[in-house]
């Protein structure tokens, strides 16, 4: 084998390895950003629903609130030091009749002396997660 052929093969192998590692890192960084944006969107939606509950309004009038639940809970059921958390997992999406990743964001609010648990969720297509 000529020296230029060996050099070309080594160069090709190293570049392939670097490109694969770079693509892997970029893919998971984009996936992480999308998840964080979705969590922030749900936190804002939970804040908006809490304000509507605080004002005594009906939060179910808007179509984006069809996946929201507001539950009064006792004060001893509120986690200490945690006011918002999220979970991700695979669940059945009835709209598309298939399993998809479900992002569930739960927030706790003290409204007029009563604690409320506000939960919203959305489905994330598997192609981005």
C-alpha atoms as a PDB file:
ATOM      1  CA  UNK A   1       0.000   0.000   0.000  1.00  0.00           C
ATOM      2  CA  UNK A   2       1.273   3.415  -0.873  1.00  0.00           C
ATOM      3  CA  UNK A   3       1.801   6.004   1.814  1.00  0.00           C
ATOM      4  CA  UNK A   4      -0.821   8.319   0.270  1.00  0.00           C
ATOM      5  CA  UNK A   5      -3.413   5.530   0.309  1.00  0.00           C
ATOM      6  CA  UNK A   6      -2.705   4.790   3.982  1.00  0.00           C
ATOM      7  CA  UNK A   7      -2.917   8.503   4.805  1.00  0.00           C
ATOM      8  CA  UNK A   8      -6.216   8.787   2.923  1.00  0.00           C
ATOM      9  CA  UNK A   9      -7.721   5.793   4.726  1.00  0.00           C
ATOM     10  CA  UNK A  10      -6.617   7.080   8.138  1.00  0.00           C
ATOM     11  CA  UNK A  11      -7.950  10.542   7.320  1.00  0.00           C
ATOM     12  CA  UNK A  12     -11.278   9.058   6.176  1.00  0.00           C
ATOM     13  CA  UNK A  13     -11.586   6.917   9.326  1.00  0.00           C
ATOM     14  CA  UNK A  14     -10.819   9.786  11.696  1.00  0.00           C
ATOM     15  CA  UNK A  15     -13.166  12.185   9.896  1.00  0.00           C
ATOM     16  CA  UNK A  16     -15.976   9.601   9.900  1.00  0.00           C
ATOM     17  CA  UNK A  17     -15.521   9.065  13.642  1.00  0.00           C
ATOM     18  CA  UNK A  18     -15.493  12.824  14.358  1.00  0.00           C
ATOM     19  CA  UNK A  19     -18.576  13.453  12.210  1.00  0.00           C
ATOM     20  CA  UNK A  20     -20.534  10.648  13.881  1.00  0.00           C
ATOM     21  CA  UNK A  21     -19.671  11.906  17.367  1.00  0.00           C
ATOM     22  CA  UNK A  22     -20.519  15.495  16.348  1.00  0.00           C
ATOM     23  CA  UNK A  23     -23.851  14.441  14.857  1.00  0.00           C
ATOM     24  CA  UNK A  24     -24.702  12.518  18.015  1.00  0.00           C
ATOM     25  CA  UNK A  25     -23.929  15.542  20.212  1.00  0.00           C
ATOM     26  CA  UNK A  26     -25.898  17.959  18.015  1.00  0.00           C
ATOM     27  CA  UNK A  27     -28.914  15.624  17.870  1.00  0.00           C
ATOM     28  CA  UNK A  28     -29.169  15.305  21.650  1.00  0.00           C
ATOM     29  CA  UNK A  29     -28.562  19.017  22.225  1.00  0.00           C
ATOM     30  CA  UNK A  30     -31.447  19.886  19.889  1.00  0.00           C
ATOM     31  CA  UNK A  31     -33.626  17.264  21.565  1.00  0.00           C
ATOM     32  CA  UNK A  32     -32.786  18.716  24.980  1.00  0.00           C
ATOM     33  CA  UNK A  33     -33.592  22.270  23.818  1.00  0.00           C
ATOM     34  CA  UNK A  34     -36.974  21.182  22.438  1.00  0.00           C
ATOM     35  CA  UNK A  35     -37.830  19.474  25.730  1.00  0.00           C
ATOM     36  CA  UNK A  36     -36.836  22.555  27.734  1.00  0.00           C
ATOM     37  CA  UNK A  37     -38.916  24.830  25.506  1.00  0.00           C
ATOM     38  CA  UNK A  38     -41.940  22.563  25.936  1.00  0.00           C
ATOM     39  CA  UNK A  39     -41.504  22.544  29.727  1.00  0.00           C
ATOM     40  CA  UNK A  40     -41.316  26.358  29.833  1.00  0.00           C
ATOM     41  CA  UNK A  41     -44.404  26.593  27.618  1.00  0.00           C
ATOM     42  CA  UNK A  42     -46.339  24.336  29.980  1.00  0.00           C
ATOM     43  CA  UNK A  43     -45.119  26.251  33.031  1.00  0.00           C
ATOM     44  CA  UNK A  44     -46.424  29.478  31.507  1.00  0.00           C
ATOM     45  CA  UNK A  45     -49.722  27.795  30.675  1.00  0.00           C
ATOM     46  CA  UNK A  46     -49.965  26.569  34.278  1.00  0.00           C
ATOM     47  CA  UNK A  47     -49.280  30.119  35.518  1.00  0.00           C
ATOM     48  CA  UNK A  48     -52.019  31.472  33.241  1.00  0.00           C
ATOM     49  CA  UNK A  49     -54.502  28.855  34.447  1.00  0.00           C
ATOM     50  CA  UNK A  50     -53.607  29.652  38.081  1.00  0.00           C
ATOM     51  CA  UNK A  51     -54.307  33.335  37.444  1.00  0.00           C
ATOM     52  CA  UNK A  52     -57.668  32.451  35.913  1.00  0.00           C
ATOM     53  CA  UNK A  53     -58.536  30.238  38.897  1.00  0.00           C
ATOM     54  CA  UNK A  54     -57.416  33.024  41.250  1.00  0.00           C
ATOM     55  CA  UNK A  55     -59.701  35.477  39.426  1.00  0.00           C
ATOM     56  CA  UNK A  56     -62.589  33.001  39.618  1.00  0.00           C
ATOM     57  CA  UNK A  57     -62.821  32.565  35.856  1.00  0.00           C
ATOM     58  CA  UNK A  58     -63.366  29.441  33.812  1.00  0.00           C
ATOM     59  CA  UNK A  59     -60.044  28.158  32.479  1.00  0.00           C
ATOM     60  CA  UNK A  60     -61.621  25.524  30.200  1.00  0.00           C
ATOM     61  CA  UNK A  61     -62.934  27.951  27.557  1.00  0.00           C
ATOM     62  CA  UNK A  62     -59.772  27.895  25.452  1.00  0.00           C
ATOM     63  CA  UNK A  63     -58.834  24.828  23.313  1.00  0.00           C
ATOM     64  CA  UNK A  64     -55.266  24.720  24.718  1.00  0.00           C
ATOM     65  CA  UNK A  65     -56.697  23.953  28.148  1.00  0.00           C
ATOM     66  CA  UNK A  66     -58.391  20.689  27.180  1.00  0.00           C
ATOM     67  CA  UNK A  67     -55.312  18.826  28.452  1.00  0.00           C
ATOM     68  CA  UNK A  68     -55.238  20.632  31.802  1.00  0.00           C
ATOM     69  CA  UNK A  69     -56.489  19.489  35.173  1.00  0.00           C
ATOM     70  CA  UNK A  70     -56.875  21.613  38.288  1.00  0.00           C
ATOM     71  CA  UNK A  71     -57.159  19.703  41.540  1.00  0.00           C
ATOM     72  CA  UNK A  72     -57.469  21.149  45.061  1.00  0.00           C
ATOM     73  CA  UNK A  73     -55.122  19.267  47.386  1.00  0.00           C
ATOM     74  CA  UNK A  74     -54.457  19.303  51.137  1.00  0.00           C
ATOM     75  CA  UNK A  75     -51.476  21.328  52.348  1.00  0.00           C
ATOM     76  CA  UNK A  76     -49.637  18.225  53.565  1.00  0.00           C
ATOM     77  CA  UNK A  77     -49.674  16.761  50.026  1.00  0.00           C
ATOM     78  CA  UNK A  78     -47.565  19.590  48.586  1.00  0.00           C
ATOM     79  CA  UNK A  79     -43.930  18.534  48.054  1.00  0.00           C
ATOM     80  CA  UNK A  80     -41.460  20.514  50.146  1.00  0.00           C
ATOM     81  CA  UNK A  81     -39.374  22.955  48.094  1.00  0.00           C
ATOM     82  CA  UNK A  82     -40.711  21.776  44.726  1.00  0.00           C
ATOM     83  CA  UNK A  83     -43.345  23.879  43.014  1.00  0.00           C
ATOM     84  CA  UNK A  84     -43.022  22.513  39.480  1.00  0.00           C
ATOM     85  CA  UNK A  85     -41.820  19.206  38.108  1.00  0.00           C
ATOM     86  CA  UNK A  86     -42.128  17.353  34.839  1.00  0.00           C
ATOM     87  CA  UNK A  87     -42.091  13.762  33.689  1.00  0.00           C
ATOM     88  CA  UNK A  88     -41.677  12.192  30.282  1.00  0.00           C
ATOM     89  CA  UNK A  89     -42.745   8.776  29.144  1.00  0.00           C
ATOM     90  CA  UNK A  90     -44.479   6.855  26.418  1.00  0.00           C
ATOM     91  CA  UNK A  91     -48.261   6.982  26.503  1.00  0.00           C
ATOM     92  CA  UNK A  92     -51.201   6.357  24.183  1.00  0.00           C
ATOM     93  CA  UNK A  93     -52.234   9.384  22.121  1.00  0.00           C
ATOM     94  CA  UNK A  94     -55.975   9.041  21.424  1.00  0.00           C
ATOM     95  CA  UNK A  95     -55.919  11.691  18.680  1.00  0.00           C
ATOM     96  CA  UNK A  96     -53.405   9.840  16.498  1.00  0.00           C
ATOM     97  CA  UNK A  97     -54.127   6.325  17.818  1.00  0.00           C
ATOM     98  CA  UNK A  98     -50.470   5.551  18.535  1.00  0.00           C
ATOM     99  CA  UNK A  99     -47.919   5.579  21.329  1.00  0.00           C
ATOM    100  CA  UNK A 100     -45.967   8.827  21.625  1.00  0.00           C
ATOM    101  CA  UNK A 101     -43.781  10.557  24.166  1.00  0.00           C
ATOM    102  CA  UNK A 102     -45.918  12.435  26.671  1.00  0.00           C
ATOM    103  CA  UNK A 103     -44.584  15.446  28.561  1.00  0.00           C
ATOM    104  CA  UNK A 104     -46.463  16.044  31.809  1.00  0.00           C
ATOM    105  CA  UNK A 105     -45.844  19.279  33.769  1.00  0.00           C
ATOM    106  CA  UNK A 106     -47.293  19.643  37.261  1.00  0.00           C
ATOM    107  CA  UNK A 107     -47.238  22.891  39.256  1.00  0.00           C
ATOM    108  CA  UNK A 108     -48.454  23.691  42.761  1.00  0.00           C
ATOM    109  CA  UNK A 109     -50.089  27.028  43.647  1.00  0.00           C
ATOM    110  CA  UNK A 110     -51.453  28.558  46.837  1.00  0.00           C
ATOM    111  CA  UNK A 111     -54.633  30.382  45.814  1.00  0.00           C
ATOM    112  CA  UNK A 112     -56.734  32.088  48.473  1.00  0.00           C
ATOM    113  CA  UNK A 113     -55.419  29.813  51.220  1.00  0.00           C
ATOM    114  CA  UNK A 114     -56.046  26.578  49.255  1.00  0.00           C
ATOM    115  CA  UNK A 115     -53.337  24.571  47.497  1.00  0.00           C
ATOM    116  CA  UNK A 116     -53.983  23.528  43.900  1.00  0.00           C
ATOM    117  CA  UNK A 117     -52.187  21.069  41.659  1.00  0.00           C
ATOM    118  CA  UNK A 118     -52.323  22.169  38.024  1.00  0.00           C
ATOM    119  CA  UNK A 119     -51.225  19.573  35.499  1.00  0.00           C
ATOM    120  CA  UNK A 120     -50.863  20.040  31.753  1.00  0.00           C
ATOM    121  CA  UNK A 121     -49.521  17.623  29.181  1.00  0.00           C
ATOM    122  CA  UNK A 122     -48.740  17.338  25.512  1.00  0.00           C
ATOM    123  CA  UNK A 123     -47.523  14.663  23.158  1.00  0.00           C
ATOM    124  CA  UNK A 124     -44.152  15.009  21.460  1.00  0.00           C
ATOM    125  CA  UNK A 125     -43.698  13.079  18.212  1.00  0.00           C
ATOM    126  CA  UNK A 126     -41.004  10.371  18.496  1.00  0.00           C
ATOM    127  CA  UNK A 127     -39.026  11.845  15.601  1.00  0.00           C
ATOM    128  CA  UNK A 128     -37.779  14.693  17.822  1.00  0.00           C
ATOM    129  CA  UNK A 129     -37.381  12.780  21.020  1.00  0.00           C
END
